[in-house]
Full PDB file with SEQRES, HELIX, SHEET, SSBOND, CRYST1, ORIGX, SCALE, CONECT and MASTER records, all heavy atoms in Angstrom:
SEQRES   1 A   32  CYS ASN ASP CYS SER ASN ARG ILE SER GLU LYS THR GLN          
SEQRES   2 A   32  ALA ARG ILE GLU THR GLY ASN PHE LYS PHE TYR ARG LYS          
SEQRES   3 A   32  ARG SER GLU LYS ASP ASP                                      
HELIX    1 AA1 ASN A    2  THR A   18  1                                  17    
CRYST1    1.000    1.000    1.000  90.00  90.00  90.00 P 1           1          
ORIGX1      1.000000  0.000000  0.000000        0.00000                         
ORIGX2      0.000000  1.000000  0.000000        0.00000                         
ORIGX3      0.000000  0.000000  1.000000        0.00000                         
SCALE1      1.000000  0.000000  0.000000        0.00000                         
SCALE2      0.000000  1.000000  0.000000        0.00000                         
SCALE3      0.000000  0.000000  1.000000        0.00000                         
ATOM      1  N   CYS A   1      18.051   1.721 -18.591  1.00  0.00           N  
ATOM      2  CA  CYS A   1      19.048   1.036 -17.713  1.00  0.00           C  
ATOM      3  C   CYS A   1      18.774   1.352 -16.233  1.00  0.00           C  
ATOM      4  O   CYS A   1      18.040   2.246 -15.879  1.00  0.00           O  
ATOM      5  CB  CYS A   1      20.487   1.495 -18.082  1.00  0.00           C  
ATOM      6  SG  CYS A   1      20.792   3.209 -17.783  1.00  0.00           S  
ATOM      7  N   ASN A   2      19.410   0.586 -15.375  1.00  0.00           N  
ATOM      8  CA  ASN A   2      19.164   0.667 -13.914  1.00  0.00           C  
ATOM      9  C   ASN A   2      19.665   2.005 -13.410  1.00  0.00           C  
ATOM     10  O   ASN A   2      19.045   2.595 -12.522  1.00  0.00           O  
ATOM     11  CB  ASN A   2      19.847  -0.483 -13.182  1.00  0.00           C  
ATOM     12  CG  ASN A   2      19.238  -1.788 -13.418  1.00  0.00           C  
ATOM     13  OD1 ASN A   2      18.034  -1.849 -13.728  1.00  0.00           O  
ATOM     14  ND2 ASN A   2      20.000  -2.849 -13.348  1.00  0.00           N  
ATOM     15  N   ASP A   3      20.794   2.579 -13.959  1.00  0.00           N  
ATOM     16  CA  ASP A   3      21.266   3.812 -13.489  1.00  0.00           C  
ATOM     17  C   ASP A   3      20.290   5.006 -13.782  1.00  0.00           C  
ATOM     18  O   ASP A   3      19.983   5.760 -12.882  1.00  0.00           O  
ATOM     19  CB  ASP A   3      22.581   4.162 -14.167  1.00  0.00           C  
ATOM     20  CG  ASP A   3      23.706   3.180 -13.844  1.00  0.00           C  
ATOM     21  OD1 ASP A   3      23.623   2.538 -12.748  1.00  0.00           O  
ATOM     22  OD2 ASP A   3      24.606   3.050 -14.678  1.00  0.00           O  
ATOM     23  N   CYS A   4      19.776   5.019 -14.990  1.00  0.00           N  
ATOM     24  CA  CYS A   4      18.760   6.028 -15.313  1.00  0.00           C  
ATOM     25  C   CYS A   4      17.414   5.840 -14.511  1.00  0.00           C  
ATOM     26  O   CYS A   4      16.856   6.851 -14.095  1.00  0.00           O  
ATOM     27  CB  CYS A   4      18.469   6.030 -16.782  1.00  0.00           C  
ATOM     28  SG  CYS A   4      19.849   6.523 -17.814  1.00  0.00           S  
ATOM     29  N   SER A   5      17.043   4.605 -14.366  1.00  0.00           N  
ATOM     30  CA  SER A   5      15.817   4.343 -13.632  1.00  0.00           C  
ATOM     31  C   SER A   5      15.975   4.801 -12.154  1.00  0.00           C  
ATOM     32  O   SER A   5      15.012   5.426 -11.618  1.00  0.00           O  
ATOM     33  CB  SER A   5      15.500   2.850 -13.726  1.00  0.00           C  
ATOM     34  OG  SER A   5      14.355   2.553 -12.949  1.00  0.00           O  
ATOM     35  N   ASN A   6      17.071   4.498 -11.576  1.00  0.00           N  
ATOM     36  CA  ASN A   6      17.323   4.902 -10.171  1.00  0.00           C  
ATOM     37  C   ASN A   6      17.379   6.408 -10.013  1.00  0.00           C  
ATOM     38  O   ASN A   6      16.854   7.012  -9.140  1.00  0.00           O  
ATOM     39  CB  ASN A   6      18.580   4.304  -9.601  1.00  0.00           C  
ATOM     40  CG  ASN A   6      18.453   2.815  -9.415  1.00  0.00           C  
ATOM     41  OD1 ASN A   6      17.323   2.278  -9.258  1.00  0.00           O  
ATOM     42  ND2 ASN A   6      19.545   2.064  -9.395  1.00  0.00           N  
ATOM     43  N   ARG A   7      18.020   7.097 -11.004  1.00  0.00           N  
ATOM     44  CA  ARG A   7      18.191   8.512 -10.997  1.00  0.00           C  
ATOM     45  C   ARG A   7      16.809   9.194 -11.081  1.00  0.00           C  
ATOM     46  O   ARG A   7      16.499  10.134 -10.373  1.00  0.00           O  
ATOM     47  CB  ARG A   7      19.062   8.970 -12.059  1.00  0.00           C  
ATOM     48  CG  ARG A   7      19.425  10.459 -12.035  1.00  0.00           C  
ATOM     49  CD  ARG A   7      20.342  10.901 -13.158  1.00  0.00           C  
ATOM     50  NE  ARG A   7      19.694  10.884 -14.445  1.00  0.00           N  
ATOM     51  CZ  ARG A   7      20.103  10.155 -15.450  1.00  0.00           C  
ATOM     52  NH1 ARG A   7      21.161   9.395 -15.397  1.00  0.00           N  
ATOM     53  NH2 ARG A   7      19.471  10.157 -16.606  1.00  0.00           N  
ATOM     54  N   ILE A   8      15.988   8.727 -11.994  1.00  0.00           N  
ATOM     55  CA  ILE A   8      14.681   9.256 -12.177  1.00  0.00           C  
ATOM     56  C   ILE A   8      13.792   9.057 -10.952  1.00  0.00           C  
ATOM     57  O   ILE A   8      13.082   9.964 -10.494  1.00  0.00           O  
ATOM     58  CB  ILE A   8      13.971   8.706 -13.410  1.00  0.00           C  
ATOM     59  CG1 ILE A   8      14.695   9.204 -14.700  1.00  0.00           C  
ATOM     60  CG2 ILE A   8      12.486   9.014 -13.460  1.00  0.00           C  
ATOM     61  CD1 ILE A   8      14.207   8.628 -15.935  1.00  0.00           C  
ATOM     62  N   SER A   9      13.865   7.871 -10.362  1.00  0.00           N  
ATOM     63  CA  SER A   9      13.028   7.633  -9.112  1.00  0.00           C  
ATOM     64  C   SER A   9      13.522   8.489  -7.975  1.00  0.00           C  
ATOM     65  O   SER A   9      12.692   8.965  -7.207  1.00  0.00           O  
ATOM     66  CB  SER A   9      13.068   6.125  -8.785  1.00  0.00           C  
ATOM     67  OG  SER A   9      14.361   5.708  -8.471  1.00  0.00           O  
ATOM     68  N   GLU A  10      14.790   8.706  -7.804  1.00  0.00           N  
ATOM     69  CA  GLU A  10      15.289   9.535  -6.713  1.00  0.00           C  
ATOM     70  C   GLU A  10      14.886  10.998  -6.895  1.00  0.00           C  
ATOM     71  O   GLU A  10      14.430  11.626  -6.007  1.00  0.00           O  
ATOM     72  CB  GLU A  10      16.826   9.516  -6.636  1.00  0.00           C  
ATOM     73  CG  GLU A  10      17.353   8.179  -6.108  1.00  0.00           C  
ATOM     74  CD  GLU A  10      18.834   8.061  -6.279  1.00  0.00           C  
ATOM     75  OE1 GLU A  10      19.480   9.039  -6.715  1.00  0.00           O  
ATOM     76  OE2 GLU A  10      19.375   6.985  -5.909  1.00  0.00           O  
ATOM     77  N   LYS A  11      14.939  11.488  -8.133  1.00  0.00           N  
ATOM     78  CA  LYS A  11      14.572  12.884  -8.380  1.00  0.00           C  
ATOM     79  C   LYS A  11      13.021  13.065  -8.268  1.00  0.00           C  
ATOM     80  O   LYS A  11      12.583  14.107  -7.768  1.00  0.00           O  
ATOM     81  CB  LYS A  11      15.025  13.302  -9.781  1.00  0.00           C  
ATOM     82  CG  LYS A  11      16.493  13.434  -9.883  1.00  0.00           C  
ATOM     83  CD  LYS A  11      16.948  14.131 -11.132  1.00  0.00           C  
ATOM     84  CE  LYS A  11      18.449  14.282 -11.095  1.00  0.00           C  
ATOM     85  NZ  LYS A  11      18.904  15.524 -11.660  1.00  0.00           N  
ATOM     86  N   THR A  12      12.282  12.067  -8.684  1.00  0.00           N  
ATOM     87  CA  THR A  12      10.875  12.108  -8.531  1.00  0.00           C  
ATOM     88  C   THR A  12      10.449  12.130  -7.028  1.00  0.00           C  
ATOM     89  O   THR A  12       9.590  12.889  -6.604  1.00  0.00           O  
ATOM     90  CB  THR A  12      10.174  10.969  -9.253  1.00  0.00           C  
ATOM     91  OG1 THR A  12      10.527  11.027 -10.639  1.00  0.00           O  
ATOM     92  CG2 THR A  12       8.648  11.039  -9.108  1.00  0.00           C  
ATOM     93  N   GLN A  13      11.113  11.267  -6.272  1.00  0.00           N  
ATOM     94  CA  GLN A  13      10.804  11.202  -4.837  1.00  0.00           C  
ATOM     95  C   GLN A  13      11.184  12.531  -4.162  1.00  0.00           C  
ATOM     96  O   GLN A  13      10.452  13.013  -3.287  1.00  0.00           O  
ATOM     97  CB  GLN A  13      11.614  10.050  -4.172  1.00  0.00           C  
ATOM     98  CG  GLN A  13      11.186   9.754  -2.770  1.00  0.00           C  
ATOM     99  CD  GLN A  13       9.716   9.300  -2.695  1.00  0.00           C  
ATOM    100  OE1 GLN A  13       9.239   8.686  -3.585  1.00  0.00           O  
ATOM    101  NE2 GLN A  13       9.097   9.687  -1.625  1.00  0.00           N  
ATOM    102  N   ALA A  14      12.274  13.194  -4.572  1.00  0.00           N  
ATOM    103  CA  ALA A  14      12.674  14.457  -4.051  1.00  0.00           C  
ATOM    104  C   ALA A  14      11.630  15.543  -4.388  1.00  0.00           C  
ATOM    105  O   ALA A  14      11.281  16.382  -3.553  1.00  0.00           O  
ATOM    106  CB  ALA A  14      14.041  14.887  -4.532  1.00  0.00           C  
ATOM    107  N   ARG A  15      11.067  15.505  -5.577  1.00  0.00           N  
ATOM    108  CA  ARG A  15      10.028  16.447  -5.983  1.00  0.00           C  
ATOM    109  C   ARG A  15       8.735  16.194  -5.213  1.00  0.00           C  
ATOM    110  O   ARG A  15       8.071  17.161  -4.815  1.00  0.00           O  
ATOM    111  CB  ARG A  15       9.739  16.314  -7.476  1.00  0.00           C  
ATOM    112  CG  ARG A  15      10.846  16.934  -8.333  1.00  0.00           C  
ATOM    113  CD  ARG A  15      10.622  16.726  -9.802  1.00  0.00           C  
ATOM    114  NE  ARG A  15       9.348  17.244 -10.224  1.00  0.00           N  
ATOM    115  CZ  ARG A  15       8.662  16.779 -11.309  1.00  0.00           C  
ATOM    116  NH1 ARG A  15       9.223  15.770 -12.021  1.00  0.00           N  
ATOM    117  NH2 ARG A  15       7.520  17.281 -11.636  1.00  0.00           N  
ATOM    118  N   ILE A  16       8.421  14.974  -4.935  1.00  0.00           N  
ATOM    119  CA  ILE A  16       7.165  14.667  -4.122  1.00  0.00           C  
ATOM    120  C   ILE A  16       7.355  15.255  -2.766  1.00  0.00           C  
ATOM    121  O   ILE A  16       6.414  15.749  -2.142  1.00  0.00           O  
ATOM    122  CB  ILE A  16       6.962  13.119  -4.143  1.00  0.00           C  
ATOM    123  CG1 ILE A  16       6.501  12.647  -5.506  1.00  0.00           C  
ATOM    124  CG2 ILE A  16       5.902  12.783  -3.078  1.00  0.00           C  
ATOM    125  CD1 ILE A  16       6.398  11.153  -5.650  1.00  0.00           C  
ATOM    126  N   GLU A  17       8.520  15.092  -2.193  1.00  0.00           N  
ATOM    127  CA  GLU A  17       8.742  15.594  -0.786  1.00  0.00           C  
ATOM    128  C   GLU A  17       8.665  17.088  -0.697  1.00  0.00           C  
ATOM    129  O   GLU A  17       8.394  17.606   0.393  1.00  0.00           O  
ATOM    130  CB  GLU A  17      10.095  15.028  -0.287  1.00  0.00           C  
ATOM    131  CG  GLU A  17      10.033  13.550  -0.075  1.00  0.00           C  
ATOM    132  CD  GLU A  17      11.424  12.950   0.264  1.00  0.00           C  
ATOM    133  OE1 GLU A  17      12.435  13.720   0.233  1.00  0.00           O  
ATOM    134  OE2 GLU A  17      11.526  11.731   0.440  1.00  0.00           O  
ATOM    135  N   THR A  18       8.969  17.837  -1.771  1.00  0.00           N  
ATOM    136  CA  THR A  18       8.904  19.284  -1.695  1.00  0.00           C  
ATOM    137  C   THR A  18       7.452  19.795  -1.642  1.00  0.00           C  
ATOM    138  O   THR A  18       7.225  20.822  -1.136  1.00  0.00           O  
ATOM    139  CB  THR A  18       9.544  19.928  -2.941  1.00  0.00           C  
ATOM    140  OG1 THR A  18       8.800  19.524  -4.117  1.00  0.00           O  
ATOM    141  CG2 THR A  18      11.006  19.576  -3.019  1.00  0.00           C  
ATOM    142  N   GLY A  19       6.499  18.987  -2.091  1.00  0.00           N  
ATOM    143  CA  GLY A  19       5.115  19.396  -2.052  1.00  0.00           C  
ATOM    144  C   GLY A  19       4.662  20.088  -3.330  1.00  0.00           C  
ATOM    145  O   GLY A  19       3.471  20.407  -3.474  1.00  0.00           O  
ATOM    146  N   ASN A  20       5.564  20.311  -4.258  1.00  0.00           N  
ATOM    147  CA  ASN A  20       5.211  20.973  -5.514  1.00  0.00           C  
ATOM    148  C   ASN A  20       4.803  19.975  -6.613  1.00  0.00           C  
ATOM    149  O   ASN A  20       4.546  20.435  -7.736  1.00  0.00           O  
ATOM    150  CB  ASN A  20       6.333  21.834  -6.034  1.00  0.00           C  
ATOM    151  CG  ASN A  20       6.617  22.985  -5.095  1.00  0.00           C  
ATOM    152  OD1 ASN A  20       5.723  23.468  -4.412  1.00  0.00           O  
ATOM    153  ND2 ASN A  20       7.852  23.443  -4.979  1.00  0.00           N  
ATOM    154  N   PHE A  21       4.828  18.732  -6.316  1.00  0.00           N  
ATOM    155  CA  PHE A  21       4.549  17.684  -7.265  1.00  0.00           C  
ATOM    156  C   PHE A  21       3.066  17.263  -7.149  1.00  0.00           C  
ATOM    157  O   PHE A  21       2.625  17.011  -6.040  1.00  0.00           O  
ATOM    158  CB  PHE A  21       5.482  16.494  -7.007  1.00  0.00           C  
ATOM    159  CG  PHE A  21       5.407  15.425  -8.119  1.00  0.00           C  
ATOM    160  CD1 PHE A  21       6.051  15.599  -9.337  1.00  0.00           C  
ATOM    161  CD2 PHE A  21       4.657  14.285  -7.881  1.00  0.00           C  
ATOM    162  CE1 PHE A  21       5.975  14.586 -10.227  1.00  0.00           C  
ATOM    163  CE2 PHE A  21       4.625  13.306  -8.834  1.00  0.00           C  
ATOM    164  CZ  PHE A  21       5.256  13.478 -10.006  1.00  0.00           C  
ATOM    165  N   LYS A  22       2.394  17.306  -8.251  1.00  0.00           N  
ATOM    166  CA  LYS A  22       0.952  16.892  -8.235  1.00  0.00           C  
ATOM    167  C   LYS A  22       0.698  15.618  -9.083  1.00  0.00           C  
ATOM    168  O   LYS A  22       1.273  15.481 -10.156  1.00  0.00           O  
ATOM    169  CB  LYS A  22       0.112  18.025  -8.828  1.00  0.00           C  
ATOM    170  CG  LYS A  22       0.093  19.237  -8.019  1.00  0.00           C  
ATOM    171  CD  LYS A  22      -0.803  20.244  -8.646  1.00  0.00           C  
ATOM    172  CE  LYS A  22      -0.734  21.584  -7.855  1.00  0.00           C  
ATOM    173  NZ  LYS A  22      -1.571  22.648  -8.446  1.00  0.00           N  
ATOM    174  N   PHE A  23      -0.029  14.706  -8.499  1.00  0.00           N  
ATOM    175  CA  PHE A  23      -0.426  13.559  -9.242  1.00  0.00           C  
ATOM    176  C   PHE A  23      -1.744  13.871  -9.922  1.00  0.00           C  
ATOM    177  O   PHE A  23      -2.706  14.248  -9.312  1.00  0.00           O  
ATOM    178  CB  PHE A  23      -0.634  12.332  -8.266  1.00  0.00           C  
ATOM    179  CG  PHE A  23       0.572  11.777  -7.740  1.00  0.00           C  
ATOM    180  CD1 PHE A  23       0.943  11.924  -6.460  1.00  0.00           C  
ATOM    181  CD2 PHE A  23       1.398  10.998  -8.557  1.00  0.00           C  
ATOM    182  CE1 PHE A  23       2.126  11.357  -5.977  1.00  0.00           C  
ATOM    183  CE2 PHE A  23       2.532  10.389  -8.109  1.00  0.00           C  
ATOM    184  CZ  PHE A  23       2.884  10.596  -6.798  1.00  0.00           C  
ATOM    185  N   TYR A  24      -1.745  13.750 -11.241  1.00  0.00           N  
ATOM    186  CA  TYR A  24      -2.958  13.975 -11.984  1.00  0.00           C  
ATOM    187  C   TYR A  24      -3.662  12.640 -12.281  1.00  0.00           C  
ATOM    188  O   TYR A  24      -3.790  12.234 -13.432  1.00  0.00           O  
ATOM    189  CB  TYR A  24      -2.624  14.737 -13.298  1.00  0.00           C  
ATOM    190  CG  TYR A  24      -2.085  16.107 -13.036  1.00  0.00           C  
ATOM    191  CD1 TYR A  24      -0.782  16.400 -13.131  1.00  0.00           C  
ATOM    192  CD2 TYR A  24      -3.020  17.121 -12.728  1.00  0.00           C  
ATOM    193  CE1 TYR A  24      -0.358  17.672 -12.902  1.00  0.00           C  
ATOM    194  CE2 TYR A  24      -2.566  18.410 -12.524  1.00  0.00           C  
ATOM    195  CZ  TYR A  24      -1.268  18.683 -12.598  1.00  0.00           C  
ATOM    196  OH  TYR A  24      -0.793  19.934 -12.401  1.00  0.00           O  
ATOM    197  N   ARG A  25      -4.058  11.998 -11.205  1.00  0.00           N  
ATOM    198  CA  ARG A  25      -4.757  10.748 -11.341  1.00  0.00           C  
ATOM    199  C   ARG A  25      -6.234  11.013 -11.108  1.00  0.00           C  
ATOM    200  O   ARG A  25      -6.640  11.814 -10.289  1.00  0.00           O  
ATOM    201  CB  ARG A  25      -4.233   9.731 -10.363  1.00  0.00           C  
ATOM    202  CG  ARG A  25      -2.806   9.365 -10.598  1.00  0.00           C  
ATOM    203  CD  ARG A  25      -2.426   8.314  -9.609  1.00  0.00           C  
ATOM    204  NE  ARG A  25      -1.029   7.923  -9.884  1.00  0.00           N  
ATOM    205  CZ  ARG A  25      -0.284   7.268  -8.961  1.00  0.00           C  
ATOM    206  NH1 ARG A  25      -0.763   6.897  -7.877  1.00  0.00           N  
ATOM    207  NH2 ARG A  25       0.981   7.002  -9.332  1.00  0.00           N  
ATOM    208  N   LYS A  26      -7.015  10.308 -11.914  1.00  0.00           N  
ATOM    209  CA  LYS A  26      -8.428  10.446 -11.754  1.00  0.00           C  
ATOM    210  C   LYS A  26      -8.932   9.732 -10.491  1.00  0.00           C  
ATOM    211  O   LYS A  26      -8.616   8.579 -10.323  1.00  0.00           O  
ATOM    212  CB  LYS A  26      -9.139   9.846 -13.012  1.00  0.00           C  
ATOM    213  CG  LYS A  26     -10.587  10.170 -13.080  1.00  0.00           C  
ATOM    214  CD  LYS A  26     -11.105   9.632 -14.417  1.00  0.00           C  
ATOM    215  CE  LYS A  26     -12.522  10.009 -14.583  1.00  0.00           C  
ATOM    216  NZ  LYS A  26     -13.073   9.533 -15.849  1.00  0.00           N  
ATOM    217  N   ARG A  27      -9.562  10.483  -9.676  1.00  0.00           N  
ATOM    218  CA  ARG A  27     -10.088   9.871  -8.423  1.00  0.00           C  
ATOM    219  C   ARG A  27     -11.318   8.970  -8.753  1.00  0.00           C  
ATOM    220  O   ARG A  27     -12.227   9.421  -9.470  1.00  0.00           O  
ATOM    221  CB  ARG A  27     -10.500  10.898  -7.447  1.00  0.00           C  
ATOM    222  CG  ARG A  27      -9.261  11.647  -6.970  1.00  0.00           C  
ATOM    223  CD  ARG A  27      -9.704  12.553  -5.864  1.00  0.00           C  
ATOM    224  NE  ARG A  27      -8.569  13.379  -5.479  1.00  0.00           N  
ATOM    225  CZ  ARG A  27      -8.420  13.921  -4.274  1.00  0.00           C  
ATOM    226  NH1 ARG A  27      -9.363  13.838  -3.390  1.00  0.00           N  
ATOM    227  NH2 ARG A  27      -7.324  14.650  -4.042  1.00  0.00           N  
ATOM    228  N   SER A  28     -11.296   7.810  -8.212  1.00  0.00           N  
ATOM    229  CA  SER A  28     -12.430   6.882  -8.500  1.00  0.00           C  
ATOM    230  C   SER A  28     -13.504   7.201  -7.398  1.00  0.00           C  
ATOM    231  O   SER A  28     -13.264   7.220  -6.233  1.00  0.00           O  
ATOM    232  CB  SER A  28     -12.007   5.452  -8.406  1.00  0.00           C  
ATOM    233  OG  SER A  28     -11.452   5.147  -7.144  1.00  0.00           O  
ATOM    234  N   GLU A  29     -14.700   7.399  -7.903  1.00  0.00           N  
ATOM    235  CA  GLU A  29     -15.777   7.635  -7.030  1.00  0.00           C  
ATOM    236  C   GLU A  29     -16.409   6.306  -6.655  1.00  0.00           C  
ATOM    237  O   GLU A  29     -16.617   5.465  -7.511  1.00  0.00           O  
ATOM    238  CB  GLU A  29     -16.802   8.522  -7.598  1.00  0.00           C  
ATOM    239  CG  GLU A  29     -16.280   9.863  -7.961  1.00  0.00           C  
ATOM    240  CD  GLU A  29     -17.287  10.736  -8.636  1.00  0.00           C  
ATOM    241  OE1 GLU A  29     -18.481  10.379  -8.753  1.00  0.00           O  
ATOM    242  OE2 GLU A  29     -16.875  11.824  -9.122  1.00  0.00           O  
ATOM    243  N   LYS A  30     -16.762   6.132  -5.388  1.00  0.00           N  
ATOM    244  CA  LYS A  30     -17.383   4.878  -4.992  1.00  0.00           C  
ATOM    245  C   LYS A  30     -18.832   4.856  -5.541  1.00  0.00           C  
ATOM    246  O   LYS A  30     -19.583   5.818  -5.452  1.00  0.00           O  
ATOM    247  CB  LYS A  30     -17.448   4.755  -3.477  1.00  0.00           C  
ATOM    248  CG  LYS A  30     -16.159   4.333  -2.846  1.00  0.00           C  
ATOM    249  CD  LYS A  30     -16.383   3.930  -1.440  1.00  0.00           C  
ATOM    250  CE  LYS A  30     -15.073   3.345  -0.928  1.00  0.00           C  
ATOM    251  NZ  LYS A  30     -15.283   2.910   0.440  1.00  0.00           N  
ATOM    252  N   ASP A  31     -19.122   3.765  -6.144  1.00  0.00           N  
ATOM    253  CA  ASP A  31     -20.437   3.591  -6.732  1.00  0.00           C  
ATOM    254  C   ASP A  31     -21.189   2.527  -5.894  1.00  0.00           C  
ATOM    255  O   ASP A  31     -20.724   1.402  -5.746  1.00  0.00           O  
ATOM    256  CB  ASP A  31     -20.320   3.094  -8.165  1.00  0.00           C  
ATOM    257  CG  ASP A  31     -21.629   3.224  -8.938  1.00  0.00           C  
ATOM    258  OD1 ASP A  31     -22.547   3.852  -8.418  1.00  0.00           O  
ATOM    259  OD2 ASP A  31     -21.725   2.645 -10.008  1.00  0.00           O  
ATOM    260  N   ASP A  32     -22.279   2.950  -5.220  1.00  0.00           N  
ATOM    261  CA  ASP A  32     -23.026   2.002  -4.439  1.00  0.00           C  
ATOM    262  C   ASP A  32     -24.105   1.296  -5.240  1.00  0.00           C  
ATOM    263  O   ASP A  32     -25.247   1.201  -4.891  1.00  0.00           O  
ATOM    264  CB  ASP A  32     -23.766   2.819  -3.306  1.00  0.00           C  
ATOM    265  CG  ASP A  32     -22.802   3.460  -2.335  1.00  0.00           C  
ATOM    266  OD1 ASP A  32     -21.684   2.946  -2.250  1.00  0.00           O  
ATOM    267  OD2 ASP A  32     -23.113   4.480  -1.759  1.00  0.00           O  
TER     268      ASP A  32                                                      
MASTER        0    0    0    1    0    0    0    6  267    1    0    3          
END                                                                             
């Protein structure tokens, strides 16, 4: 629901702003 979605996005944004949140995304290397 929209309420839960908004709540999760706000809490995630707050965690990102603290600096303790890490994105575990694979970095794409440029291939020439």
